[in-house]
Protein backbone atom coordinates (compact mmCIF):
# COMPACT_ATOMS: atom_id res chain seq x y z
CA MET A 1 105.06 81.26 95.68
CA ARG A 2 104.08 83.15 92.42
CA TYR A 3 103.94 86.89 92.20
CA ILE A 4 101.88 88.13 89.27
CA LYS A 5 101.94 91.88 88.39
CA THR A 6 100.20 91.86 85.22
CA PHE A 7 96.87 90.62 83.78
CA PRO A 8 98.24 88.66 80.89
CA GLU A 9 100.50 86.43 82.76
CA SER A 10 97.70 85.49 85.20
CA LEU A 11 95.41 84.14 82.32
CA GLU A 12 96.46 80.61 82.72
CA ILE A 13 95.68 80.52 86.46
CA PHE A 14 92.37 82.18 85.95
CA LYS A 15 91.68 79.46 83.14
CA ALA A 16 92.71 76.57 85.34
CA LEU A 17 90.51 77.83 88.31
CA GLY A 18 87.58 78.26 86.05
CA SER A 19 86.07 74.77 86.73
CA ASP A 20 84.41 73.26 89.89
CA VAL A 21 86.14 69.98 89.01
CA ARG A 22 89.80 71.66 88.92
CA ILE A 23 88.85 73.38 92.10
CA GLU A 24 87.91 70.10 93.96
CA ILE A 25 91.13 68.44 92.60
CA LEU A 26 93.19 71.25 94.28
CA THR A 27 90.92 70.99 97.40
CA LEU A 28 91.81 67.16 97.52
CA LEU A 29 95.58 67.76 96.93
CA LEU A 30 95.70 70.43 99.49
CA GLN A 31 93.98 68.09 102.03
CA ASN A 32 95.87 65.05 101.24
CA GLY A 33 99.28 65.90 99.73
CA LYS A 34 100.11 63.49 96.96
CA MET A 35 97.41 61.39 95.33
CA SER A 36 97.61 59.04 92.42
CA MET A 37 95.42 59.74 89.32
CA ASN A 38 93.40 56.55 90.11
CA GLU A 39 92.69 58.09 93.63
CA LEU A 40 91.79 61.41 92.34
CA ALA A 41 89.18 59.73 89.60
CA GLU A 42 87.71 57.55 92.24
CA GLN A 43 87.05 60.56 94.82
CA LEU A 44 85.68 62.65 91.94
CA ASP A 45 83.57 59.98 90.29
CA ILE A 46 84.95 60.82 86.96
CA THR A 47 87.00 58.59 84.22
CA ASN A 48 90.67 58.74 84.11
CA GLY A 49 90.31 60.06 80.62
CA ALA A 50 88.14 63.05 81.82
CA LEU A 51 90.65 63.58 84.74
CA THR A 52 93.46 63.83 82.49
CA ASN A 53 92.48 67.09 80.84
CA HIS A 54 91.79 68.81 84.01
CA ILE A 55 95.32 67.66 85.43
CA ARG A 56 96.93 69.01 82.24
CA LYS A 57 95.39 72.38 82.59
CA LEU A 58 96.40 72.55 86.33
CA GLU A 59 99.86 71.51 85.48
CA ALA A 60 100.10 74.32 82.77
CA ALA A 61 99.18 76.88 85.08
CA ASP A 62 101.81 75.43 87.43
CA LEU A 63 99.26 74.95 90.18
CA ILE A 64 100.27 71.27 90.60
CA ARG A 65 103.06 68.89 89.57
CA ILE A 66 103.10 65.25 88.67
CA ASN A 67 105.87 62.67 89.62
CA SER A 68 106.29 59.34 88.99
CA ASP A 69 106.35 56.46 91.70
CA SER A 70 108.35 53.63 90.52
CA SER A 71 107.31 51.68 93.72
CA PHE A 72 103.89 51.18 92.05
CA HIS A 73 103.32 48.76 89.27
CA GLY A 74 103.32 50.59 85.99
CA ASN A 75 105.24 53.59 87.40
CA GLN A 76 102.18 55.24 88.77
CA LYS A 77 101.78 59.15 88.37
CA LEU A 78 101.57 61.06 91.61
CA CYS A 79 100.04 64.50 91.70
CA GLU A 80 100.72 67.11 94.40
CA PRO A 81 100.25 70.85 94.83
CA HIS A 82 102.93 73.02 93.54
CA LEU A 83 102.20 76.69 94.70
CA ASP A 84 101.23 77.29 98.22
CA LYS A 85 100.83 81.12 97.64
CA ILE A 86 99.77 83.32 94.65
CA LEU A 87 100.05 86.90 94.96
CA PHE A 88 98.11 89.15 92.55
CA THR A 89 98.81 92.99 92.01
CA LEU A 90 96.75 93.91 89.05
CA ASN A 91 96.86 97.59 88.51
CA ARG A 92 94.60 99.37 86.17
CA THR A 93 96.37 101.00 83.20
CA LEU A 94 95.96 104.84 83.52
CA PRO A 95 96.03 107.23 80.70
CA SER A 96 99.23 108.81 79.89
CA VAL A 97 100.20 112.00 82.07
CA ASN A 98 103.33 113.77 82.47
CA GLU A 99 104.89 112.00 85.38
CA HIS A 100 108.03 111.61 87.26
CA LYS A 101 108.57 108.18 88.90
CA SER A 102 111.16 107.41 91.41
CA SER A 103 111.68 105.16 94.62
CA LEU A 104 113.72 105.04 97.81
CA ARG A 105 114.90 102.32 100.06
CA ALA A 106 113.39 102.54 103.56
CA GLY A 107 116.71 103.75 104.87
CA GLN A 108 117.26 106.51 102.49
CA TYR A 109 115.64 109.09 104.86
CA SER A 110 116.82 112.78 105.01
CA SER A 111 116.03 112.97 108.57
CA TYR A 112 114.63 111.20 111.64
CA GLU A 113 113.77 111.19 115.28
CA VAL A 114 113.12 107.62 116.65
CA TYR A 115 112.73 105.79 119.95
CA PRO A 116 112.91 102.00 121.00
CA THR A 117 111.77 99.82 120.04
CA CYS A 118 113.51 100.57 116.80
CA GLY A 119 115.93 99.10 114.42
CA LEU A 120 117.03 98.86 110.84
CA SER A 121 118.15 95.99 108.54
CA THR A 122 119.07 95.02 105.08
CA SER A 123 117.88 91.84 103.52
CA LYS A 124 120.98 90.09 104.47
CA SER A 125 121.76 91.51 108.18
CA VAL A 126 120.69 93.72 110.90
CA ILE A 127 122.55 97.05 110.97
CA GLY A 128 124.00 97.62 114.30
CA ILE A 129 122.16 96.74 117.46
CA VAL A 130 118.39 96.65 117.77
CA ASP A 131 116.60 99.38 120.04
CA ASP A 132 119.74 101.78 120.01
CA PRO A 133 118.50 104.81 117.89
CA ARG A 134 122.05 105.87 117.25
CA TYR A 135 122.29 103.19 114.45
CA PHE A 136 119.76 105.41 112.51
CA ALA A 137 122.76 107.73 111.80
CA HIS A 138 125.05 104.88 110.90
CA GLN A 139 126.79 105.21 107.33
CA LYS A 140 124.97 101.84 106.37
CA HIS A 141 121.48 103.30 106.97
CA PHE A 142 121.22 104.21 103.44
CA GLU A 143 121.09 100.34 102.60
CA ALA A 144 118.35 99.43 105.01
CA ASP A 145 115.28 97.53 103.54
CA ILE A 146 113.16 97.63 106.57
CA LEU A 147 112.97 100.01 109.68
CA TRP A 148 110.83 100.29 112.68
CA PHE A 149 110.40 102.39 115.64
CA SER A 150 107.91 102.86 118.63
CA LYS A 151 107.23 106.85 118.10
CA GLY A 152 109.06 109.42 116.29
CA TYR A 153 109.41 109.99 112.57
CA VAL A 154 111.32 109.46 109.50
CA GLU A 155 111.26 112.04 106.60
CA TYR A 156 112.34 111.52 102.94
CA GLN A 157 113.24 113.91 100.14
CA VAL A 158 111.02 113.10 97.44
CA PRO A 159 113.04 112.64 94.11
CA CYS A 160 111.50 115.29 91.92
CA VAL A 161 113.44 116.34 88.67
CA ILE A 162 110.49 117.63 86.46
CA PRO A 163 111.05 119.98 83.50
CA PHE A 164 111.42 123.65 83.81
CA TYR A 165 108.44 125.72 83.87
CA ASN A 166 106.06 123.12 85.25
CA LYS A 167 103.89 122.89 88.44
CA ILE A 168 103.04 119.89 90.45
CA ASP A 169 99.45 118.70 90.17
CA GLN A 170 99.45 115.49 92.26
CA ILE A 171 101.87 113.33 94.45
CA SER A 172 101.41 109.77 95.29
CA VAL A 173 103.28 107.70 97.74
CA SER A 174 103.13 103.88 97.99
CA ALA A 175 104.60 101.70 100.64
CA GLU A 176 104.22 98.70 102.71
CA LEU A 177 103.66 99.72 106.44
CA SER A 178 102.36 98.30 109.77
CA SER A 179 102.70 99.30 113.47
CA GLU A 180 105.65 98.34 115.58
CA ALA A 181 104.95 96.44 118.86
CA PRO A 182 107.34 94.78 121.27
CA GLY A 183 107.63 91.45 119.59
CA SER A 184 104.55 91.43 117.54
CA ASN A 185 100.89 91.84 117.97
CA GLU A 186 98.28 91.70 115.25
CA ILE A 187 95.87 93.95 117.28
CA TRP A 188 98.25 96.84 117.96
CA PRO A 189 96.64 100.11 116.52
CA SER A 190 98.88 103.05 115.54
CA ASP A 191 98.01 106.56 114.31
CA ILE A 192 100.57 107.08 111.38
CA HIS A 193 100.67 110.71 110.72
CA PHE A 194 101.54 112.27 107.24
CA TYR A 195 103.22 115.39 106.75
CA LEU A 196 104.17 117.33 103.48
CA ASN A 197 106.97 120.10 103.73
CA ASP A 198 106.00 120.11 107.37
CA THR A 199 102.31 120.36 106.73
CA PHE A 200 100.19 117.92 108.40
CA ILE A 201 97.99 116.29 105.62
CA GLY A 202 96.43 113.03 107.18
CA ILE A 203 96.25 110.03 109.49
CA TRP A 204 95.98 106.40 108.70
CA THR A 205 95.46 103.78 111.63
CA SER A 206 97.55 100.68 111.07
CA PRO A 207 95.51 97.85 112.76
CA GLY A 208 98.48 95.88 113.85
CA ASP A 209 102.06 94.47 113.84
CA PHE A 210 101.80 91.42 111.72
CA ALA A 211 103.76 88.14 112.50
CA ASP A 212 101.09 85.45 112.02
CA THR A 213 102.56 84.14 108.84
CA LYS A 214 105.88 84.72 107.40
CA GLY A 215 106.14 87.64 104.74
CA LEU A 216 106.21 86.38 101.16
CA PHE A 217 109.62 87.99 100.62
CA THR A 218 111.03 88.12 104.15
CA PRO A 219 114.25 86.60 104.44
CA ASP A 220 114.55 83.07 105.87
CA TRP A 221 116.98 83.95 108.48
CA TRP A 222 114.56 86.89 109.79
CA PHE A 223 113.32 86.16 113.42
CA ALA A 224 109.87 84.49 113.59
CA ASN A 225 108.32 86.90 116.05
CA TRP A 226 109.55 90.10 114.39
CA ASN A 227 107.48 92.19 111.88
CA GLN A 228 106.87 89.90 108.94
CA TYR A 229 104.85 92.03 106.61
CA GLY A 230 102.48 95.06 106.29
CA LEU A 231 99.77 96.55 104.28
CA LEU A 232 100.21 98.13 100.88
CA LYS A 233 98.99 101.58 101.32
CA THR A 234 98.86 104.38 98.77
CA LEU A 235 98.69 108.04 99.64
CA ILE A 236 97.63 110.68 96.92
CA ILE A 237 97.55 114.61 97.27
CA ASN A 238 95.91 116.35 94.43
CA HIS A 239 93.54 119.09 93.63
CA ASN A 240 90.56 117.49 95.46
CA GLY A 241 92.21 116.41 98.94
CA VAL A 242 94.27 113.66 100.42
CA PHE A 243 93.35 109.92 99.97
CA ILE A 244 94.57 106.76 101.38
CA ASP A 245 93.56 104.01 98.91
CA ASN A 246 90.91 106.27 97.39
CA THR A 247 89.36 107.20 100.73
CA ARG A 248 89.70 110.77 101.57
CA ILE A 249 91.31 111.54 104.74
CA SER A 250 92.08 115.18 104.64
CA ASN A 251 90.69 118.30 102.89
CA VAL A 252 94.34 119.57 102.38
CA THR A 253 95.10 120.14 98.78
CA ILE A 254 98.15 120.14 96.46
CA ASP A 255 97.31 123.65 95.42
CA GLN A 256 97.97 125.09 99.04
CA PHE A 257 101.78 124.21 98.53
CA HIS A 258 102.28 126.17 95.16
CA LEU A 259 104.83 123.59 94.14
CA ASP A 260 106.74 123.82 91.03
CA TYR A 261 109.99 122.54 89.44
CA ARG A 262 112.02 124.83 91.59
CA ASP A 263 110.97 123.33 94.95
CA LYS A 264 112.17 120.61 97.24
CA ILE A 265 109.63 118.05 98.44
CA TYR A 266 109.64 116.36 101.77
CA PHE A 267 107.37 113.46 103.03
CA ARG A 268 107.18 112.57 106.56
CA MET A 269 105.70 109.56 108.43
CA ALA A 270 105.47 109.77 111.95
CA VAL A 271 104.02 108.57 115.25
CA PRO A 272 103.88 111.67 117.42
CA ASP A 273 103.41 111.94 121.14
CA SER A 274 99.90 113.57 120.38
CA ALA A 275 98.73 110.57 118.71
CA LYS A 276 95.70 108.71 120.09
CA HIS A 277 97.12 105.33 119.34
CA ILE A 278 100.97 105.34 119.82
CA GLY A 279 101.65 101.91 118.21
CA GLY A 280 104.93 102.71 116.15
CA LEU A 281 105.63 102.37 112.53
CA THR A 282 107.21 99.56 110.40
CA VAL A 283 108.39 100.56 106.93
CA PHE A 284 108.90 97.49 104.69
CA GLY A 285 111.09 97.83 101.58
CA ARG A 286 112.30 95.41 98.71
CA GLY A 287 113.29 91.93 100.04
CA PHE A 288 110.67 92.27 102.90
CA GLY A 289 107.06 91.79 103.45
CA ASN A 290 104.50 90.61 100.85
CA TYR A 291 105.02 93.35 98.11
CA ASN A 292 108.69 93.29 97.50
CA GLN A 293 108.87 97.15 96.60
CA ASP A 294 110.73 100.24 97.95
CA ILE A 295 108.78 103.34 98.85
CA GLU A 296 107.42 104.59 95.41
CA PHE A 297 106.75 108.11 94.53
CA ARG A 298 104.93 109.47 91.44
CA VAL A 299 104.82 113.27 90.79
CA GLN A 300 102.30 114.46 88.22
CA TYR A 301 102.97 117.90 86.58
CA SER A 302 101.70 120.39 83.78
CA PRO A 303 103.11 123.48 82.30
CA ILE A 304 102.60 126.66 84.36
CA ALA A 305 100.03 128.92 82.38
CA GLY A 306 101.70 131.61 80.31
CA SER A 307 105.28 129.82 80.63
CA THR A 308 107.51 129.17 77.86
CA PRO A 309 108.35 125.26 77.79
CA VAL A 310 111.98 124.20 77.28
């Protein structure tokens, strides 16, 4: 597996895939496993010389690897696929703004109320006993890299140390989330409610609890029928409303909170009894899921009109 976060490091892969012949080579190798250069050339109806150029580009991009097989006369070269998965996260470069960035592990919540099925785990071991909410108060909960519950909430105090005499213009939260079904179920909707300082700001409905394939970063020891990965969601609240992945989910604006450098900020994710779909919540952090990130916060700010900067 290869995880690509920036555009420059993906150029070799894009170049290698920019050819119908090379796509066909990869398709044949994925279907057949190892194939010799002669077999590939015959299947593609091209010369070995023409094939060599394509093979070099695929090898340079780390998409295939070449081994020698001494059992064949002349120590024949065999080609095989190298990368089984490629994850691209190519973010647009935004104009520079006054911004405070921070992150919290899944277990670094400031308050909670959860109900079974539930549990927490580090990337190395489960904390305590699953389906026992008491372990959410265990001293090791701060180390948790994943947590899950069938209903209830977890709330985080947003790290926000911005300069004096500044007001908050936008808050964004990025996290990998899914539902929480007993065992797993890809069709298990859950209405996840979001709150800012105890004010309801919107809902996102998670489609399911995913265990169809192993999460790219989920540890090898993790149980196969447990939550494997989620969906990466970005919530933004600004002067125009509340958005999930650029889709407006609420008309609540940041201006209604009158937040500045003196205020504490609390962000809550909940599945309340009042939800239409009570399907639980799983929060994936670093070392789990498909994105290998903790809960990321960004707070944008600007000077308060008429104030004296320090």
